[in-house]
PDB file of N, CA and C in Angstrom:
ATOM      1  N   UNK A   1      69.672  51.952 -98.473  1.00  0.00           N
ATOM      2  CA  UNK A   1      68.209  52.033 -98.473  1.00  0.00           C
ATOM      3  C   UNK A   1      67.023  52.535 -97.202  1.00  0.00           C
ATOM      4  N   UNK A   2      65.952  53.116 -97.999  1.00  0.00           N
ATOM      5  CA  UNK A   2      65.490  53.823 -97.574  1.00  0.00           C
ATOM      6  C   UNK A   2      63.798  53.111 -97.044  1.00  0.00           C
ATOM      7  N   UNK A   3      63.098  53.390 -95.702  1.00  0.00           N
ATOM      8  CA  UNK A   3      62.143  53.347 -96.084  1.00  0.00           C
ATOM      9  C   UNK A   3      60.964  53.721 -95.540  1.00  0.00           C
ATOM     10  N   UNK A   4      59.617  54.714 -96.477  1.00  0.00           N
ATOM     11  CA  UNK A   4      58.827  54.935 -96.211  1.00  0.00           C
ATOM     12  C   UNK A   4      57.875  54.604 -94.609  1.00  0.00           C
ATOM     13  N   UNK A   5      58.063  55.843 -94.147  1.00  0.00           N
ATOM     14  CA  UNK A   5      56.802  55.826 -92.288  1.00  0.00           C
ATOM     15  C   UNK A   5      55.832  56.412 -92.794  1.00  0.00           C
ATOM     16  N   UNK A   6      54.789  56.239 -92.639  1.00  0.00           N
ATOM     17  CA  UNK A   6      53.002  56.791 -93.187  1.00  0.00           C
ATOM     18  C   UNK A   6      52.913  57.350 -91.149  1.00  0.00           C
ATOM     19  N   UNK A   7      52.664  57.519 -91.677  1.00  0.00           N
ATOM     20  CA  UNK A   7      52.025  58.376 -90.310  1.00  0.00           C
ATOM     21  C   UNK A   7      50.494  58.869 -90.460  1.00  0.00           C
ATOM     22  N   UNK A   8      49.263  58.888 -89.632  1.00  0.00           N
ATOM     23  CA  UNK A   8      47.693  58.938 -89.741  1.00  0.00           C
ATOM     24  C   UNK A   8      47.537  59.928 -89.030  1.00  0.00           C
ATOM     25  N   UNK A   9      47.694  60.407 -88.046  1.00  0.00           N
ATOM     26  CA  UNK A   9      47.164  60.902 -87.381  1.00  0.00           C
ATOM     27  C   UNK A   9      45.422  61.022 -86.795  1.00  0.00           C
ATOM     28  N   UNK A  10      44.270  60.678 -85.784  1.00  0.00           N
ATOM     29  CA  UNK A  10      43.479  60.430 -85.308  1.00  0.00           C
ATOM     30  C   UNK A  10      43.502  60.859 -83.742  1.00  0.00           C
ATOM     31  N   UNK A  11      42.702  60.923 -83.086  1.00  0.00           N
ATOM     32  CA  UNK A  11      41.710  62.018 -82.154  1.00  0.00           C
ATOM     33  C   UNK A  11      43.302  61.093 -80.873  1.00  0.00           C
ATOM     34  N   UNK A  12      43.137  60.190 -81.106  1.00  0.00           N
ATOM     35  CA  UNK A  12      43.515  59.501 -79.828  1.00  0.00           C
ATOM     36  C   UNK A  12      45.075  59.586 -79.985  1.00  0.00           C
ATOM     37  N   UNK A  13      45.856  59.590 -80.977  1.00  0.00           N
ATOM     38  CA  UNK A  13      47.313  59.643 -80.894  1.00  0.00           C
ATOM     39  C   UNK A  13      47.480  59.403 -83.226  1.00  0.00           C
ATOM     40  N   UNK A  14      49.087  58.544 -83.142  1.00  0.00           N
ATOM     41  CA  UNK A  14      48.982  58.594 -84.636  1.00  0.00           C
ATOM     42  C   UNK A  14      49.179  56.871 -84.378  1.00  0.00           C
ATOM     43  N   UNK A  15      48.471  56.515 -85.547  1.00  0.00           N
ATOM     44  CA  UNK A  15      49.234  55.042 -86.351  1.00  0.00           C
ATOM     45  C   UNK A  15      49.916  55.430 -87.241  1.00  0.00           C
ATOM     46  N   UNK A  16      50.838  54.559 -87.783  1.00  0.00           N
ATOM     47  CA  UNK A  16      52.158  53.830 -88.450  1.00  0.00           C
ATOM     48  C   UNK A  16      52.476  52.892 -88.820  1.00  0.00           C
ATOM     49  N   UNK A  17      53.162  52.879 -90.607  1.00  0.00           N
ATOM     50  CA  UNK A  17      53.112  51.781 -90.845  1.00  0.00           C
ATOM     51  C   UNK A  17      54.470  52.290 -91.837  1.00  0.00           C
ATOM     52  N   UNK A  18      54.952  51.224 -92.005  1.00  0.00           N
ATOM     53  CA  UNK A  18      56.092  51.428 -93.385  1.00  0.00           C
ATOM     54  C   UNK A  18      55.694  50.697 -94.744  1.00  0.00           C
ATOM     55  N   UNK A  19      55.388  51.752 -95.850  1.00  0.00           N
ATOM     56  CA  UNK A  19      54.258  51.300 -97.924  1.00  0.00           C
ATOM     57  C   UNK A  19      55.566  49.906 -98.036  1.00  0.00           C
ATOM     58  N   UNK A  20      57.378  49.503 -97.983  1.00  0.00           N
ATOM     59  CA  UNK A  20      57.762  48.349 -97.950  1.00  0.00           C
ATOM     60  C   UNK A  20      57.805  47.336 -97.889  1.00  0.00           C
ATOM     61  N   UNK A  21      57.124  47.205 -96.091  1.00  0.00           N
ATOM     62  CA  UNK A  21      57.239  45.985 -95.037  1.00  0.00           C
ATOM     63  C   UNK A  21      56.602  45.613 -94.723  1.00  0.00           C
ATOM     64  N   UNK A  22      55.904  45.218 -95.347  1.00  0.00           N
ATOM     65  CA  UNK A  22      53.802  44.650 -95.213  1.00  0.00           C
ATOM     66  C   UNK A  22      54.484  43.925 -93.579  1.00  0.00           C
ATOM     67  N   UNK A  23      53.514  44.083 -92.404  1.00  0.00           N
ATOM     68  CA  UNK A  23      53.354  43.999 -91.237  1.00  0.00           C
ATOM     69  C   UNK A  23      53.806  45.121 -89.550  1.00  0.00           C
ATOM     70  N   UNK A  24      54.680  45.597 -91.056  1.00  0.00           N
ATOM     71  CA  UNK A  24      55.343  46.742 -89.900  1.00  0.00           C
ATOM     72  C   UNK A  24      54.591  47.791 -89.622  1.00  0.00           C
ATOM     73  N   UNK A  25      53.543  47.750 -88.452  1.00  0.00           N
ATOM     74  CA  UNK A  25      52.650  48.938 -88.306  1.00  0.00           C
ATOM     75  C   UNK A  25      52.060  48.877 -87.273  1.00  0.00           C
ATOM     76  N   UNK A  26      52.087  50.342 -86.313  1.00  0.00           N
ATOM     77  CA  UNK A  26      51.872  50.348 -84.925  1.00  0.00           C
ATOM     78  C   UNK A  26      51.010  51.790 -84.669  1.00  0.00           C
ATOM     79  N   UNK A  27      51.804  52.220 -83.131  1.00  0.00           N
ATOM     80  CA  UNK A  27      50.408  52.681 -83.282  1.00  0.00           C
ATOM     81  C   UNK A  27      51.492  53.944 -81.385  1.00  0.00           C
ATOM     82  N   UNK A  28      50.750  55.497 -81.518  1.00  0.00           N
ATOM     83  CA  UNK A  28      51.786  56.052 -80.300  1.00  0.00           C
ATOM     84  C   UNK A  28      50.836  57.113 -79.724  1.00  0.00           C
ATOM     85  N   UNK A  29      50.318  57.066 -78.758  1.00  0.00           N
ATOM     86  CA  UNK A  29      49.386  59.003 -78.248  1.00  0.00           C
ATOM     87  C   UNK A  29      50.643  59.892 -78.703  1.00  0.00           C
ATOM     88  N   UNK A  30      51.823  59.714 -78.421  1.00  0.00           N
ATOM     89  CA  UNK A  30      52.130  60.830 -80.124  1.00  0.00           C
ATOM     90  C   UNK A  30      53.053  60.548 -80.900  1.00  0.00           C
ATOM     91  N   UNK A  31      53.650  61.691 -81.601  1.00  0.00           N
ATOM     92  CA  UNK A  31      54.071  61.359 -83.208  1.00  0.00           C
ATOM     93  C   UNK A  31      55.692  60.574 -82.742  1.00  0.00           C
ATOM     94  N   UNK A  32      56.140  61.119 -81.411  1.00  0.00           N
ATOM     95  CA  UNK A  32      57.563  60.962 -81.741  1.00  0.00           C
ATOM     96  C   UNK A  32      57.378  59.006 -81.030  1.00  0.00           C
ATOM     97  N   UNK A  33      56.210  59.037 -80.364  1.00  0.00           N
ATOM     98  CA  UNK A  33      56.262  57.694 -79.599  1.00  0.00           C
ATOM     99  C   UNK A  33      56.093  56.678 -80.694  1.00  0.00           C
ATOM    100  N   UNK A  34      55.447  56.980 -81.970  1.00  0.00           N
ATOM    101  CA  UNK A  34      54.613  56.234 -83.211  1.00  0.00           C
ATOM    102  C   UNK A  34      56.418  56.023 -83.636  1.00  0.00           C
ATOM    103  N   UNK A  35      56.841  56.573 -83.949  1.00  0.00           N
ATOM    104  CA  UNK A  35      58.134  57.036 -84.938  1.00  0.00           C
ATOM    105  C   UNK A  35      59.269  55.928 -83.906  1.00  0.00           C
ATOM    106  N   UNK A  36      59.059  55.922 -82.750  1.00  0.00           N
ATOM    107  CA  UNK A  36      59.767  55.299 -81.731  1.00  0.00           C
ATOM    108  C   UNK A  36      59.770  53.635 -82.039  1.00  0.00           C
ATOM    109  N   UNK A  37      57.848  53.647 -81.851  1.00  0.00           N
ATOM    110  CA  UNK A  37      57.347  52.069 -81.757  1.00  0.00           C
ATOM    111  C   UNK A  37      57.237  51.816 -83.644  1.00  0.00           C
ATOM    112  N   UNK A  38      57.587  52.404 -84.338  1.00  0.00           N
ATOM    113  CA  UNK A  38      57.792  51.390 -85.508  1.00  0.00           C
ATOM    114  C   UNK A  38      59.832  51.310 -85.959  1.00  0.00           C
ATOM    115  N   UNK A  39      59.712  51.929 -84.977  1.00  0.00           N
ATOM    116  CA  UNK A  39      61.450  51.681 -85.780  1.00  0.00           C
ATOM    117  C   UNK A  39      61.112  50.439 -85.049  1.00  0.00           C
ATOM    118  N   UNK A  40      61.047  49.658 -83.446  1.00  0.00           N
ATOM    119  CA  UNK A  40      60.844  49.161 -82.993  1.00  0.00           C
ATOM    120  C   UNK A  40      60.178  47.659 -83.996  1.00  0.00           C
ATOM    121  N   UNK A  41      59.182  48.402 -84.528  1.00  0.00           N
ATOM    122  CA  UNK A  41      58.319  47.136 -85.298  1.00  0.00           C
ATOM    123  C   UNK A  41      59.430  46.943 -86.009  1.00  0.00           C
ATOM    124  N   UNK A  42      60.602  47.425 -87.421  1.00  0.00           N
ATOM    125  CA  UNK A  42      61.021  46.925 -88.339  1.00  0.00           C
ATOM    126  C   UNK A  42      61.584  45.921 -86.977  1.00  0.00           C
ATOM    127  N   UNK A  43      62.450  46.313 -86.521  1.00  0.00           N
ATOM    128  CA  UNK A  43      63.545  45.848 -86.407  1.00  0.00           C
ATOM    129  C   UNK A  43      63.623  44.372 -86.186  1.00  0.00           C
ATOM    130  N   UNK A  44      61.689  43.812 -85.017  1.00  0.00           N
ATOM    131  CA  UNK A  44      61.322  42.832 -84.751  1.00  0.00           C
ATOM    132  C   UNK A  44      61.097  42.160 -86.325  1.00  0.00           C
ATOM    133  N   UNK A  45      59.958  42.911 -86.890  1.00  0.00           N
ATOM    134  CA  UNK A  45      60.367  41.545 -88.446  1.00  0.00           C
ATOM    135  C   UNK A  45      60.970  41.474 -88.794  1.00  0.00           C
ATOM    136  N   UNK A  46      62.095  42.398 -88.891  1.00  0.00           N
ATOM    137  CA  UNK A  46      63.550  41.506 -89.407  1.00  0.00           C
ATOM    138  C   UNK A  46      64.030  40.277 -89.258  1.00  0.00           C
ATOM    139  N   UNK A  47      64.173  40.845 -87.739  1.00  0.00           N
ATOM    140  CA  UNK A  47      64.289  39.252 -86.846  1.00  0.00           C
ATOM    141  C   UNK A  47      63.789  38.104 -86.633  1.00  0.00           C
ATOM    142  N   UNK A  48      62.409  38.022 -86.648  1.00  0.00           N
ATOM    143  CA  UNK A  48      61.791  37.541 -87.113  1.00  0.00           C
ATOM    144  C   UNK A  48      61.599  36.457 -88.581  1.00  0.00           C
ATOM    145  N   UNK A  49      61.921  37.386 -89.841  1.00  0.00           N
ATOM    146  CA  UNK A  49      62.049  36.887 -90.572  1.00  0.00           C
ATOM    147  C   UNK A  49      63.172  36.042 -90.500  1.00  0.00           C
ATOM    148  N   UNK A  50      64.276  36.768 -90.599  1.00  0.00           N
ATOM    149  CA  UNK A  50      65.767  36.033 -90.436  1.00  0.00           C
ATOM    150  C   UNK A  50      65.699  34.907 -89.455  1.00  0.00           C
ATOM    151  N   UNK A  51      65.512  34.815 -88.620  1.00  0.00           N
ATOM    152  CA  UNK A  51      65.366  33.648 -88.150  1.00  0.00           C
ATOM    153  C   UNK A  51      64.567  32.494 -89.122  1.00  0.00           C
ATOM    154  N   UNK A  52      62.764  32.754 -89.184  1.00  0.00           N
ATOM    155  CA  UNK A  52      62.015  32.012 -89.827  1.00  0.00           C
ATOM    156  C   UNK A  52      63.115  31.204 -91.319  1.00  0.00           C
ATOM    157  N   UNK A  53      63.715  31.787 -91.806  1.00  0.00           N
ATOM    158  CA  UNK A  53      64.363  31.623 -92.592  1.00  0.00           C
ATOM    159  C   UNK A  53      65.109  30.712 -92.436  1.00  0.00           C
ATOM    160  N   UNK A  54      66.124  31.345 -91.463  1.00  0.00           N
ATOM    161  CA  UNK A  54      67.827  30.294 -90.773  1.00  0.00           C
ATOM    162  C   UNK A  54      66.629  28.644 -90.242  1.00  0.00           C
ATOM    163  N   UNK A  55      65.978  28.942 -90.116  1.00  0.00           N
ATOM    164  CA  UNK A  55      64.929  27.263 -89.375  1.00  0.00           C
ATOM    165  C   UNK A  55      64.403  26.935 -90.661  1.00  0.00           C
ATOM    166  N   UNK A  56      63.808  27.198 -91.445  1.00  0.00           N
ATOM    167  CA  UNK A  56      64.003  26.974 -92.470  1.00  0.00           C
ATOM    168  C   UNK A  56      64.463  25.757 -94.120  1.00  0.00           C
ATOM    169  N   UNK A  57      65.737  27.198 -93.715  1.00  0.00           N
ATOM    170  CA  UNK A  57      67.172  26.017 -93.918  1.00  0.00           C
ATOM    171  C   UNK A  57      67.458  24.770 -93.717  1.00  0.00           C
ATOM    172  N   UNK A  58      67.004  25.061 -92.569  1.00  0.00           N
ATOM    173  CA  UNK A  58      67.955  23.345 -91.039  1.00  0.00           C
ATOM    174  C   UNK A  58      68.818  22.696 -91.510  1.00  0.00           C
ATOM    175  N   UNK A  59      70.478  23.845 -91.610  1.00  0.00           N
ATOM    176  CA  UNK A  59      71.276  23.066 -91.945  1.00  0.00           C
ATOM    177  C   UNK A  59      72.143  22.669 -93.245  1.00  0.00           C
ATOM    178  N   UNK A  60      71.392  23.680 -94.154  1.00  0.00           N
ATOM    179  CA  UNK A  60      71.541  23.750 -95.194  1.00  0.00           C
ATOM    180  C   UNK A  60      72.678  23.716 -96.473  1.00  0.00           C
ATOM    181  N   UNK A  61      73.667  23.977 -96.927  1.00  0.00           N
ATOM    182  CA  UNK A  61      74.455  24.557 -97.166  1.00  0.00           C
ATOM    183  C   UNK A  61      73.958  25.610 -98.454  1.00  0.00           C
ATOM    184  N   UNK A  62      74.305  26.509 -98.153  1.00  0.00           N
ATOM    185  CA  UNK A  62      73.881  27.480 -98.784  1.00  0.00           C
ATOM    186  C   UNK A  62      75.134  29.142 -98.471  1.00  0.00           C
ATOM    187  N   UNK A  63      74.559  30.064 -99.388  1.00  0.00           N
ATOM    188  CA  UNK A  63      75.532  30.922 -99.421  1.00  0.00           C
ATOM    189  C   UNK A  63      74.490  32.255 -99.137  1.00  0.00           C
ATOM    190  N   UNK A  64      75.341  32.648 -98.479  1.00  0.00           N
ATOM    191  CA  UNK A  64      74.672  34.447 -98.142  1.00  0.00           C
ATOM    192  C   UNK A  64      75.613  35.479 -97.645  1.00  0.00           C
ATOM    193  N   UNK A  65      75.069  36.534 -98.843  1.00  0.00           N
ATOM    194  CA  UNK A  65      76.203  37.468 -98.427  1.00  0.00           C
ATOM    195  C   UNK A  65      74.787  38.504 -98.022  1.00  0.00           C
ATOM    196  N   UNK A  66      75.633  40.007 -97.809  1.00  0.00           N
ATOM    197  CA  UNK A  66      75.091  41.117 -97.792  1.00  0.00           C
ATOM    198  C   UNK A  66      74.500  41.552 -99.553  1.00  0.00           C
ATOM    199  N   UNK A  67      73.273  41.856 -98.932  1.00  0.00           N
ATOM    200  CA  UNK A  67      72.289  43.201-100.817  1.00  0.00           C
ATOM    201  C   UNK A  67      72.752  44.278-100.827  1.00  0.00           C
ATOM    202  N   UNK A  68      73.389  44.978-100.964  1.00  0.00           N
ATOM    203  CA  UNK A  68      73.623  46.366-101.516  1.00  0.00           C
ATOM    204  C   UNK A  68      72.322  46.543-102.157  1.00  0.00           C
ATOM    205  N   UNK A  69      71.223  47.594-101.716  1.00  0.00           N
ATOM    206  CA  UNK A  69      70.212  48.010-103.493  1.00  0.00           C
ATOM    207  C   UNK A  69      71.148  50.236-103.407  1.00  0.00           C
ATOM    208  N   UNK A  70      70.937  49.842-104.850  1.00  0.00           N
ATOM    209  CA  UNK A  70      70.724  50.662-104.886  1.00  0.00           C
ATOM    210  C   UNK A  70      69.511  52.304-104.592  1.00  0.00           C
ATOM    211  N   UNK A  71      70.846  53.400-105.066  1.00  0.00           N
ATOM    212  CA  UNK A  71      69.312  54.624-103.987  1.00  0.00           C
ATOM    213  C   UNK A  71      68.445  54.874-105.120  1.00  0.00           C
TER     214      UNK A  71
END
């Protein structure tokens, strides 16, 4: 799966977000910094979502499996 990163240049640097993942947004003084910050934001969002999901299930009997998305 590939996500789409969008970068917008401002006088102060770059704003960045991922089109497919609401809440994944950040900024950076340089494009490279914005890219690195965006990767970190995506990882943190996915980790937080996983933790919230696990907590909401509260030990219920569920099936977990990897989901492969088509290219």
